[in-house]
């Protein structure tokens, strides 16, 4: 997408200049529900309104399991496998989700605060050593979530760079072929099989070892165990990398809000929520397929047709959020859609939120004069990804 196309899309969508590039099918006028053609050439319905989006995400007539079947319309070629928790409905989804819910409770995540703060400090040391004009994505936003997830699941640090390369290809929409995605996916599965075997030989205090115990009790198949481990790693990495970079950019691009936060540090938590609303790293929900005709706003979605919710547009619905394009230091009463809604709401939301808060808190404490870099290429957006994010964010202080 060229700069002119990007600006044009932003103007059509009524979004501020920091929204970055979006897939062309998201550049529509203000209808609540619109037909779109995805990168695979399939037709889907795109839901832009907040209330309608919430209804889709909780309505059992819209099925995730149907959306991953071979004949269903697809958003791209990087789809979750059928035995993934994200691809299931009903009791099967509930069974798998219950197995891992304990790892992401508010209390369990809060207990990780000191470790995440230490990791953030280490990466901020690297930023300080690199000096003003350094890339915050490379020194902090990318390595921190990977280190956190690897620690949570028990992935050895020496394997983290390989994992990062694999995931970036799999989350890409257009810059790699289906054959390349398939090859990288098989490599990831092989890696996870090897890691599970190593954990069997040397159990540790990590989530993957705990999941092996669940499998040994007969509550998980080996295929489900492998898929669950990969799902937790992949779903939590790229999105959090994007969310950290987007949140820092959002704050540094809003001088009034930044000044208010510096005067009143207690505003950090509500302001983080509004950054999550304003700049979601995941702009779209996974597709769902209607299992019967469903009236949705002014249209009828027929059985077999697919629907996606634009979380980004729902978060900017002026019927719900006052001044929706403004970063609001005190936050909003309505709950944003960044982490989804309903039974498929992101399990890792507390962990992602904690990482964003810690990054911003420590950045502003250690670099009180932090600002965007002056170079013309200080902000470079990733293109062709399912998730939104930055490939470069140069900062000065």
Protein backbone atom coordinates (compact mmCIF):
# COMPACT_ATOMS: atom_id res chain seq x y z
CA UNK A 1 0.00 0.00 0.00
CA UNK A 2 1.46 3.35 -1.00
CA UNK A 3 1.46 6.40 1.26
CA UNK A 4 -1.27 8.03 -0.88
CA UNK A 5 -3.42 4.91 -0.69
CA UNK A 6 -2.88 4.74 3.05
CA UNK A 7 -3.92 8.36 3.54
CA UNK A 8 -6.92 7.86 1.27
CA UNK A 9 -8.03 4.82 3.24
CA UNK A 10 -7.69 6.75 6.49
CA UNK A 11 -9.76 9.64 5.15
CA UNK A 12 -12.51 7.30 3.94
CA UNK A 13 -12.57 5.58 7.30
CA UNK A 14 -12.49 8.77 9.33
CA UNK A 15 -9.40 7.55 11.19
CA UNK A 16 -6.36 9.58 12.27
CA UNK A 17 -3.07 9.37 10.44
CA UNK A 18 -1.48 6.95 12.93
CA UNK A 19 -3.80 4.09 12.03
CA UNK A 20 -1.33 2.72 9.49
CA UNK A 21 -1.98 0.52 6.47
CA UNK A 22 -5.04 -1.72 6.40
CA UNK A 23 -6.19 -4.37 3.94
CA UNK A 24 -8.04 -2.70 1.06
CA UNK A 25 -11.25 -4.57 1.85
CA UNK A 26 -11.45 -2.67 5.17
CA UNK A 27 -11.53 0.70 3.40
CA UNK A 28 -15.29 1.21 3.17
CA UNK A 29 -17.76 3.94 3.98
CA UNK A 30 -19.74 3.93 7.18
CA UNK A 31 -22.22 1.10 6.57
CA UNK A 32 -22.60 -1.17 9.58
CA UNK A 33 -22.34 -4.39 7.52
CA UNK A 34 -20.68 -4.51 4.10
CA UNK A 35 -19.81 -7.29 1.62
CA UNK A 36 -16.06 -7.63 1.01
CA UNK A 37 -13.70 -9.76 -1.07
CA UNK A 38 -10.82 -11.22 0.96
CA UNK A 39 -7.24 -11.78 -0.28
CA UNK A 40 -8.21 -15.37 -1.19
CA UNK A 41 -10.97 -14.07 -3.48
CA UNK A 42 -13.78 -15.22 -1.18
CA UNK A 43 -16.81 -13.13 -0.27
CA UNK A 44 -17.52 -12.32 3.37
CA UNK A 45 -19.58 -9.86 5.35
CA UNK A 46 -17.58 -7.28 7.31
CA UNK A 47 -19.29 -5.98 10.46
CA UNK A 48 -18.13 -2.51 11.47
CA UNK A 49 -20.61 -1.47 14.17
CA UNK A 50 -19.81 -2.12 17.83
CA UNK A 51 -23.18 -3.54 18.92
CA UNK A 52 -23.55 -5.78 15.87
CA UNK A 53 -19.97 -6.96 16.29
CA UNK A 54 -20.60 -7.99 19.90
CA UNK A 55 -23.71 -9.85 18.82
CA UNK A 56 -21.80 -11.81 16.16
CA UNK A 57 -19.09 -12.76 18.65
CA UNK A 58 -21.65 -14.27 21.06
CA UNK A 59 -24.25 -15.68 18.65
CA UNK A 60 -23.99 -19.49 18.42
CA UNK A 61 -25.52 -19.34 14.93
CA UNK A 62 -22.12 -18.09 13.76
CA UNK A 63 -19.70 -21.03 13.95
CA UNK A 64 -15.92 -21.06 14.17
CA UNK A 65 -15.81 -24.81 13.48
CA UNK A 66 -17.64 -24.33 10.18
CA UNK A 67 -15.25 -21.53 9.20
CA UNK A 68 -12.19 -23.81 9.17
CA UNK A 69 -13.74 -26.48 6.94
CA UNK A 70 -12.17 -26.73 3.47
CA UNK A 71 -15.20 -25.38 1.58
CA UNK A 72 -15.72 -22.34 3.82
CA UNK A 73 -14.76 -18.80 2.70
CA UNK A 74 -11.28 -17.89 3.95
CA UNK A 75 -9.57 -14.66 4.93
CA UNK A 76 -6.11 -15.97 4.02
CA UNK A 77 -4.10 -19.18 3.84
CA UNK A 78 -2.84 -19.01 7.45
CA UNK A 79 -5.85 -20.55 9.16
CA UNK A 80 -5.89 -22.28 12.57
CA UNK A 81 -6.12 -26.06 12.30
CA UNK A 82 -9.47 -27.73 13.13
CA UNK A 83 -8.25 -29.11 16.48
CA UNK A 84 -7.16 -25.67 17.67
CA UNK A 85 -9.11 -24.17 20.54
CA UNK A 86 -9.74 -21.14 18.31
CA UNK A 87 -11.46 -23.38 15.73
CA UNK A 88 -13.98 -25.05 18.01
CA UNK A 89 -17.52 -24.43 19.22
CA UNK A 90 -19.47 -25.58 22.24
CA UNK A 91 -18.33 -28.30 24.63
CA UNK A 92 -15.07 -29.11 22.83
CA UNK A 93 -13.96 -25.50 22.95
CA UNK A 94 -14.95 -25.24 26.62
CA UNK A 95 -12.99 -28.40 27.50
CA UNK A 96 -9.73 -27.14 25.98
CA UNK A 97 -10.13 -23.60 27.26
CA UNK A 98 -10.70 -24.83 30.81
CA UNK A 99 -7.40 -26.73 30.72
CA UNK A 100 -5.31 -23.58 30.18
CA UNK A 101 -7.48 -20.93 31.86
CA UNK A 102 -5.60 -21.29 35.14
CA UNK A 103 -2.38 -20.06 33.56
CA UNK A 104 -3.96 -16.70 32.69
CA UNK A 105 -6.02 -15.81 35.77
CA UNK A 106 -5.59 -12.28 37.09
CA UNK A 107 -3.72 -13.56 40.15
CA UNK A 108 -1.38 -15.84 38.19
CA UNK A 109 -0.56 -13.09 35.71
CA UNK A 110 -0.02 -10.55 38.50
CA UNK A 111 2.53 -12.92 40.05
CA UNK A 112 4.56 -12.61 36.84
CA UNK A 113 4.97 -8.84 37.32
CA UNK A 114 8.45 -8.88 38.93
CA UNK A 115 9.85 -11.21 36.25
CA UNK A 116 8.40 -9.11 33.41
CA UNK A 117 9.73 -5.93 35.03
CA UNK A 118 13.22 -7.46 35.17
CA UNK A 119 13.02 -8.51 31.53
CA UNK A 120 11.78 -5.05 30.51
CA UNK A 121 14.62 -3.43 32.44
CA UNK A 122 17.17 -5.59 30.61
CA UNK A 123 15.79 -4.56 27.23
CA UNK A 124 15.60 -0.91 28.29
CA UNK A 125 19.27 -1.14 29.24
CA UNK A 126 19.92 -2.19 25.64
CA UNK A 127 17.87 0.75 24.39
CA UNK A 128 19.82 3.18 26.59
CA UNK A 129 23.13 1.69 25.46
CA UNK A 130 22.14 2.03 21.79
CA UNK A 131 21.40 5.71 22.40
CA UNK A 132 18.85 8.23 21.05
CA UNK A 133 17.51 7.38 17.62
CA UNK A 134 17.36 3.65 18.42
CA UNK A 135 14.65 1.27 17.25
CA UNK A 136 12.25 0.50 20.09
CA UNK A 137 10.71 -2.42 18.19
CA UNK A 138 13.99 -4.28 17.82
CA UNK A 139 15.29 -3.55 21.31
CA UNK A 140 12.09 -3.89 23.35
CA UNK A 141 8.72 -4.52 21.68
CA UNK A 142 9.78 -7.68 19.82
CA UNK A 143 12.09 -9.46 22.28
CA UNK A 144 10.07 -8.84 25.48
CA UNK A 145 6.85 -10.75 24.60
CA UNK A 146 8.90 -13.58 23.13
CA UNK A 147 10.95 -13.89 26.33
CA UNK A 148 7.77 -13.78 28.46
CA UNK A 149 5.99 -16.47 26.44
CA UNK A 150 9.04 -18.70 26.21
CA UNK A 151 9.41 -18.47 29.99
CA UNK A 152 5.71 -19.21 30.55
CA UNK A 153 5.64 -22.30 28.33
CA UNK A 154 9.20 -23.45 28.91
CA UNK A 155 10.75 -22.81 25.49
CA UNK A 156 14.56 -22.56 25.84
CA UNK A 157 15.84 -19.02 25.17
CA UNK A 158 18.28 -20.37 22.54
CA UNK A 159 15.28 -21.42 20.40
CA UNK A 160 13.51 -18.06 20.50
CA UNK A 161 14.98 -16.60 17.29
CA UNK A 162 13.95 -19.67 15.26
CA UNK A 163 10.46 -19.43 16.65
CA UNK A 164 10.24 -15.73 15.80
CA UNK A 165 11.12 -16.41 12.16
CA UNK A 166 8.54 -19.17 11.88
CA UNK A 167 5.70 -17.14 13.36
CA UNK A 168 6.30 -14.03 11.26
CA UNK A 169 5.92 -16.11 8.08
CA UNK A 170 2.77 -17.84 9.32
CA UNK A 171 1.08 -14.56 10.30
CA UNK A 172 1.91 -12.92 6.98
CA UNK A 173 -1.00 -12.37 4.56
CA UNK A 174 0.65 -11.62 1.24
CA UNK A 175 4.47 -11.66 1.36
CA UNK A 176 4.93 -15.42 1.49
CA UNK A 177 3.39 -18.27 -0.48
CA UNK A 178 0.99 -20.94 0.86
CA UNK A 179 3.77 -23.47 0.23
CA UNK A 180 6.17 -21.50 2.43
CA UNK A 181 3.54 -21.24 5.18
CA UNK A 182 2.94 -24.99 4.99
CA UNK A 183 6.65 -25.75 5.23
CA UNK A 184 7.15 -23.44 8.21
CA UNK A 185 4.06 -24.87 9.89
CA UNK A 186 5.42 -28.40 9.62
CA UNK A 187 8.76 -27.24 11.02
CA UNK A 188 6.97 -25.74 14.01
CA UNK A 189 5.05 -28.95 14.68
CA UNK A 190 8.28 -30.97 14.47
CA UNK A 191 9.91 -28.55 16.89
CA UNK A 192 7.03 -28.79 19.38
CA UNK A 193 7.08 -32.61 19.23
CA UNK A 194 10.79 -32.56 20.05
CA UNK A 195 10.28 -30.05 22.87
CA UNK A 196 7.49 -32.14 24.42
CA UNK A 197 9.78 -35.17 24.42
CA UNK A 198 12.54 -33.16 26.09
CA UNK A 199 10.07 -31.97 28.75
CA UNK A 200 9.06 -35.57 29.41
CA UNK A 201 12.68 -36.43 30.12
CA UNK A 202 13.32 -33.29 32.20
CA UNK A 203 10.06 -31.87 33.64
CA UNK A 204 10.16 -28.23 34.71
CA UNK A 205 7.85 -25.71 36.36
CA UNK A 206 6.26 -24.40 33.17
CA UNK A 207 2.96 -24.56 31.31
CA UNK A 208 4.08 -27.08 28.70
CA UNK A 209 5.13 -29.55 31.40
CA UNK A 210 1.73 -29.06 33.05
CA UNK A 211 -0.03 -29.77 29.74
CA UNK A 212 2.00 -32.97 29.36
CA UNK A 213 0.60 -34.02 32.74
CA UNK A 214 -2.94 -33.34 31.50
CA UNK A 215 -2.22 -35.52 28.45
CA UNK A 216 -0.87 -38.32 30.61
CA UNK A 217 -4.12 -38.29 32.61
CA UNK A 218 -6.03 -38.86 29.37
CA UNK A 219 -7.63 -35.39 29.15
CA UNK A 220 -5.66 -34.26 26.07
CA UNK A 221 -4.69 -36.12 22.92
CA UNK A 222 -1.12 -35.67 21.69
CA UNK A 223 -2.42 -33.71 18.70
CA UNK A 224 -4.35 -31.39 21.01
CA UNK A 225 -1.31 -30.96 23.24
CA UNK A 226 0.92 -29.96 20.33
CA UNK A 227 -1.68 -27.62 18.87
CA UNK A 228 -2.42 -26.02 22.24
CA UNK A 229 1.26 -25.30 22.87
CA UNK A 230 1.69 -23.77 19.42
CA UNK A 231 -1.54 -21.80 19.71
CA UNK A 232 -0.51 -20.20 22.99
CA UNK A 233 2.89 -19.24 21.61
CA UNK A 234 1.69 -17.93 18.27
CA UNK A 235 -1.42 -16.11 19.46
CA UNK A 236 0.45 -14.36 22.25
CA UNK A 237 3.60 -13.30 20.43
CA UNK A 238 2.88 -11.33 17.26
CA UNK A 239 -0.16 -9.59 18.75
CA UNK A 240 1.70 -8.39 21.85
CA UNK A 241 4.68 -7.19 19.81
CA UNK A 242 2.28 -5.16 17.71
CA UNK A 243 0.35 -3.91 20.72
CA UNK A 244 3.42 -2.61 22.53
CA UNK A 245 4.70 -0.72 19.49
CA UNK A 246 1.27 0.69 18.64
CA UNK A 247 0.65 1.79 22.22
CA UNK A 248 3.98 3.64 22.44
CA UNK A 249 3.33 5.29 19.08
CA UNK A 250 -0.19 6.24 20.12
CA UNK A 251 1.04 7.87 23.34
CA UNK A 252 3.97 9.71 21.77
CA UNK A 253 1.61 10.99 19.04
CA UNK A 254 -0.78 12.51 21.60
CA UNK A 255 1.13 15.33 23.37
CA UNK A 256 -1.81 16.40 25.54
CA UNK A 257 -2.45 12.90 26.85
CA UNK A 258 1.29 12.29 27.34
CA UNK A 259 1.62 15.51 29.33
CA UNK A 260 -1.36 14.60 31.50
CA UNK A 261 0.09 11.16 32.17
CA UNK A 262 3.41 12.66 33.20
CA UNK A 263 1.58 14.92 35.66
CA UNK A 264 -0.72 12.15 36.90
CA UNK A 265 0.97 8.71 36.68
CA UNK A 266 -2.12 7.10 38.26
CA UNK A 267 -3.87 7.56 34.91
CA UNK A 268 -1.68 4.88 33.33
CA UNK A 269 -4.10 1.96 33.69
CA UNK A 270 -7.16 3.67 32.18
CA UNK A 271 -4.98 5.21 29.49
CA UNK A 272 -3.59 1.79 28.58
CA UNK A 273 -7.17 0.60 28.08
CA UNK A 274 -7.84 3.46 25.70
CA UNK A 275 -4.63 2.78 23.77
CA UNK A 276 -5.80 -0.82 23.40
CA UNK A 277 -9.13 0.48 22.11
CA UNK A 278 -7.65 3.03 19.75
CA UNK A 279 -4.84 0.90 18.30
CA UNK A 280 -5.76 -2.81 18.34
CA UNK A 281 -2.98 -5.02 17.01
CA UNK A 282 -5.65 -7.42 15.76
CA UNK A 283 -8.01 -5.44 13.52
CA UNK A 284 -10.33 -8.34 12.64
CA UNK A 285 -11.97 -11.26 14.38
CA UNK A 286 -11.53 -14.75 13.00
CA UNK A 287 -14.26 -15.50 10.43
CA UNK A 288 -17.43 -17.27 11.48
CA UNK A 289 -19.89 -19.07 9.21
CA UNK A 290 -23.65 -18.81 9.63
CA UNK A 291 -25.33 -22.18 10.23
CA UNK A 292 -28.75 -20.69 9.40
CA UNK A 293 -30.02 -17.38 7.97
CA UNK A 294 -29.33 -14.54 10.42
CA UNK A 295 -30.60 -10.98 10.17
CA UNK A 296 -27.69 -8.67 10.88
CA UNK A 297 -28.51 -4.99 10.77
CA UNK A 298 -29.86 -4.21 7.32
CA UNK A 299 -28.70 -7.47 5.69
CA UNK A 300 -29.45 -11.16 5.97
CA UNK A 301 -26.46 -13.47 6.26
CA UNK A 302 -27.43 -16.73 4.59
CA UNK A 303 -26.41 -20.16 5.87
CA UNK A 304 -22.88 -20.96 4.67
CA UNK A 305 -21.84 -17.30 4.36
CA UNK A 306 -18.96 -15.99 6.45
CA UNK A 307 -18.78 -12.95 8.72
CA UNK A 308 -15.82 -11.05 10.19
CA UNK A 309 -16.00 -8.34 12.83
CA UNK A 310 -13.81 -5.26 12.39
CA UNK A 311 -12.60 -4.83 15.95
CA UNK A 312 -10.82 -1.65 14.89
CA UNK A 313 -13.98 0.00 13.54
CA UNK A 314 -16.10 -1.26 16.42
CA UNK A 315 -13.65 0.37 18.83
CA UNK A 316 -14.16 3.68 17.00
CA UNK A 317 -17.96 3.56 16.85
CA UNK A 318 -19.11 7.08 17.69
CA UNK A 319 -22.44 5.69 18.94
CA UNK A 320 -20.50 4.06 21.79
CA UNK A 321 -17.29 6.05 22.36
CA UNK A 322 -17.30 9.82 22.76
CA UNK A 323 -14.62 11.42 20.55
CA UNK A 324 -13.60 7.92 19.38
CA UNK A 325 -10.40 9.02 17.60
CA UNK A 326 -8.99 10.81 20.65
CA UNK A 327 -6.77 9.11 23.22
CA UNK A 328 -8.79 9.56 26.39
CA UNK A 329 -6.65 9.61 29.56
CA UNK A 330 -9.55 8.58 31.79
CA UNK A 331 -10.70 5.80 29.46
CA UNK A 332 -14.29 4.97 28.49
CA UNK A 333 -17.17 3.26 30.25
CA UNK A 334 -17.78 0.84 27.36
CA UNK A 335 -15.53 -2.21 27.04
CA UNK A 336 -13.45 -2.23 23.85
CA UNK A 337 -13.34 -5.18 21.44
CA UNK A 338 -9.57 -5.45 21.09
CA UNK A 339 -9.46 -8.81 22.88
CA UNK A 340 -12.68 -9.99 21.31
CA UNK A 341 -15.90 -10.82 23.15
CA UNK A 342 -17.78 -13.90 24.28
CA UNK A 343 -16.43 -17.43 24.73
CA UNK A 344 -13.52 -16.88 22.34
CA UNK A 345 -12.31 -13.73 24.11
CA UNK A 346 -8.49 -13.73 24.22
CA UNK A 347 -7.23 -15.83 27.12
CA UNK A 348 -3.96 -13.90 27.20
CA UNK A 349 -5.58 -10.47 27.57
CA UNK A 350 -4.38 -9.98 31.19
CA UNK A 351 -0.81 -10.87 30.20
CA UNK A 352 -0.78 -8.59 27.16
CA UNK A 353 -2.28 -5.73 29.17
CA UNK A 354 0.34 -6.20 31.89
CA UNK A 355 3.22 -6.09 29.41
CA UNK A 356 1.95 -2.90 27.79
CA UNK A 357 1.52 -1.24 31.19
CA UNK A 358 4.98 -2.25 32.41
CA UNK A 359 6.64 -1.09 29.19
CA UNK A 360 5.00 2.34 29.30
CA UNK A 361 5.58 2.78 33.02
CA UNK A 362 9.28 1.96 32.81
CA UNK A 363 9.83 3.84 29.55
CA UNK A 364 8.46 7.07 30.99
CA UNK A 365 10.34 6.64 34.26
CA UNK A 366 13.70 5.93 32.65
CA UNK A 367 13.30 8.26 29.67
CA UNK A 368 11.15 11.20 30.87
CA UNK A 369 11.87 13.17 27.68
CA UNK A 370 10.98 10.26 25.39
CA UNK A 371 9.70 11.33 21.95
CA UNK A 372 9.40 10.05 18.41
CA UNK A 373 12.57 10.11 16.35
CA UNK A 374 13.02 12.99 13.95
CA UNK A 375 14.17 10.86 11.02
CA UNK A 376 11.75 10.62 8.06
CA UNK A 377 11.66 6.83 8.44
CA UNK A 378 11.22 6.86 12.22
CA UNK A 379 7.89 5.02 11.92
CA UNK A 380 7.68 2.08 9.49
CA UNK A 381 4.58 -0.08 9.40
CA UNK A 382 4.51 -3.81 8.82
CA UNK A 383 2.53 -4.73 5.75
CA UNK A 384 0.87 -7.99 4.79
CA UNK A 385 0.24 -9.27 8.33
CA UNK A 386 -2.94 -10.53 9.96
CA UNK A 387 -1.91 -8.38 12.90
CA UNK A 388 -1.12 -4.67 12.75
CA UNK A 389 2.21 -3.41 13.98
CA UNK A 390 5.46 -1.59 13.32
CA UNK A 391 8.68 -2.90 11.87
CA UNK A 392 10.51 0.21 13.09
CA UNK A 393 9.88 2.83 15.78
CA UNK A 394 12.82 5.16 16.31
CA UNK A 395 12.76 7.13 19.56
CA UNK A 396 14.82 9.89 21.11
CA UNK A 397 15.15 11.35 24.61
